[in-house]
């Protein structure tokens, strides 16, 4: 399942967020919970919660159904560079 999630992030999510100087990588997948880390412009971005819930989580649930319970942000947003949206 991890490989399928990583593939979806690489092929469908990262091309979109890279336009804003960001990226999303899988940290872990435990009991249906997908833990991700936001990179680049996504780290510290004010729209990151919306991107994760309305974008990434929705896409993963659509693709993998009830195997995905939720997406959790494991990013330390205080350490990021300036976000794309200020």
Protein backbone atom coordinates (compact mmCIF):
# COMPACT_ATOMS: atom_id res chain seq x y z
CA UNK A 1 0.00 0.00 0.00
CA UNK A 2 2.87 2.35 0.78
CA UNK A 3 4.19 2.07 -2.76
CA UNK A 4 0.75 2.79 -4.21
CA UNK A 5 0.41 5.91 -2.05
CA UNK A 6 3.91 7.09 -2.98
CA UNK A 7 3.15 6.56 -6.67
CA UNK A 8 -0.08 8.55 -6.43
CA UNK A 9 1.72 11.39 -4.63
CA UNK A 10 4.52 11.43 -7.22
CA UNK A 11 2.28 11.21 -10.28
CA UNK A 12 -0.84 13.15 -9.34
CA UNK A 13 -0.15 15.40 -6.36
CA UNK A 14 3.45 16.59 -6.68
CA UNK A 15 3.14 17.86 -10.25
CA UNK A 16 0.37 20.16 -9.00
CA UNK A 17 2.05 21.45 -5.83
CA UNK A 18 5.44 21.78 -7.53
CA UNK A 19 3.94 24.70 -9.44
CA UNK A 20 3.93 26.48 -6.09
CA UNK A 21 7.46 25.39 -5.25
CA UNK A 22 6.32 22.56 -2.98
CA UNK A 23 6.12 18.84 -2.61
CA UNK A 24 4.50 16.17 -0.47
CA UNK A 25 6.18 12.95 0.62
CA UNK A 26 4.92 9.91 2.48
CA UNK A 27 6.35 9.53 5.97
CA UNK A 28 4.34 6.52 7.14
CA UNK A 29 1.14 4.55 6.65
CA UNK A 30 -0.28 3.02 9.84
CA UNK A 31 -3.75 1.51 10.28
CA UNK A 32 -5.25 3.51 7.42
CA UNK A 33 -3.66 6.80 8.48
CA UNK A 34 -1.36 8.40 5.91
CA UNK A 35 1.37 10.55 7.48
CA UNK A 36 2.90 13.04 5.07
CA UNK A 37 5.53 15.75 5.15
CA UNK A 38 5.13 18.96 3.19
CA UNK A 39 8.23 20.28 1.46
CA UNK A 40 9.40 23.57 -0.03
CA UNK A 41 6.70 26.17 -0.52
CA UNK A 42 4.09 23.85 1.04
CA UNK A 43 5.91 23.88 4.38
CA UNK A 44 4.44 26.73 6.37
CA UNK A 45 1.88 27.63 3.69
CA UNK A 46 -1.40 28.99 5.00
CA UNK A 47 -3.32 26.81 2.53
CA UNK A 48 -1.57 23.56 3.51
CA UNK A 49 -4.43 22.22 5.67
CA UNK A 50 -6.91 22.80 2.89
CA UNK A 51 -4.59 21.18 0.34
CA UNK A 52 -4.21 18.10 2.53
CA UNK A 53 -7.88 17.64 3.45
CA UNK A 54 -9.66 18.84 0.31
CA UNK A 55 -7.03 17.68 -2.15
CA UNK A 56 -4.72 14.90 -0.99
CA UNK A 57 -7.04 13.14 1.46
CA UNK A 58 -9.98 13.27 -0.94
CA UNK A 59 -7.85 11.88 -3.78
CA UNK A 60 -6.43 9.06 -1.65
CA UNK A 61 -9.89 8.07 -0.38
CA UNK A 62 -11.27 8.13 -3.90
CA UNK A 63 -8.43 5.95 -5.17
CA UNK A 64 -8.12 3.51 -2.26
CA UNK A 65 -11.55 3.64 -0.61
CA UNK A 66 -11.90 2.56 2.99
CA UNK A 67 -8.20 1.63 3.22
CA UNK A 68 -7.56 5.32 3.93
CA UNK A 69 -8.96 6.74 7.18
CA UNK A 70 -7.29 10.15 7.09
CA UNK A 71 -4.20 12.10 6.09
CA UNK A 72 -2.11 13.56 8.90
CA UNK A 73 0.41 16.37 8.48
CA UNK A 74 3.74 15.38 10.09
CA UNK A 75 5.49 18.58 8.97
CA UNK A 76 7.31 20.95 11.31
CA UNK A 77 5.87 24.10 9.74
CA UNK A 78 7.94 26.42 11.93
CA UNK A 79 11.12 25.28 10.17
CA UNK A 80 10.03 25.97 6.59
CA UNK A 81 11.12 28.66 4.21
CA UNK A 82 8.74 31.42 3.21
CA UNK A 83 5.57 29.87 1.82
CA UNK A 84 4.32 30.54 -1.68
CA UNK A 85 1.18 32.27 -0.41
CA UNK A 86 2.01 35.07 2.00
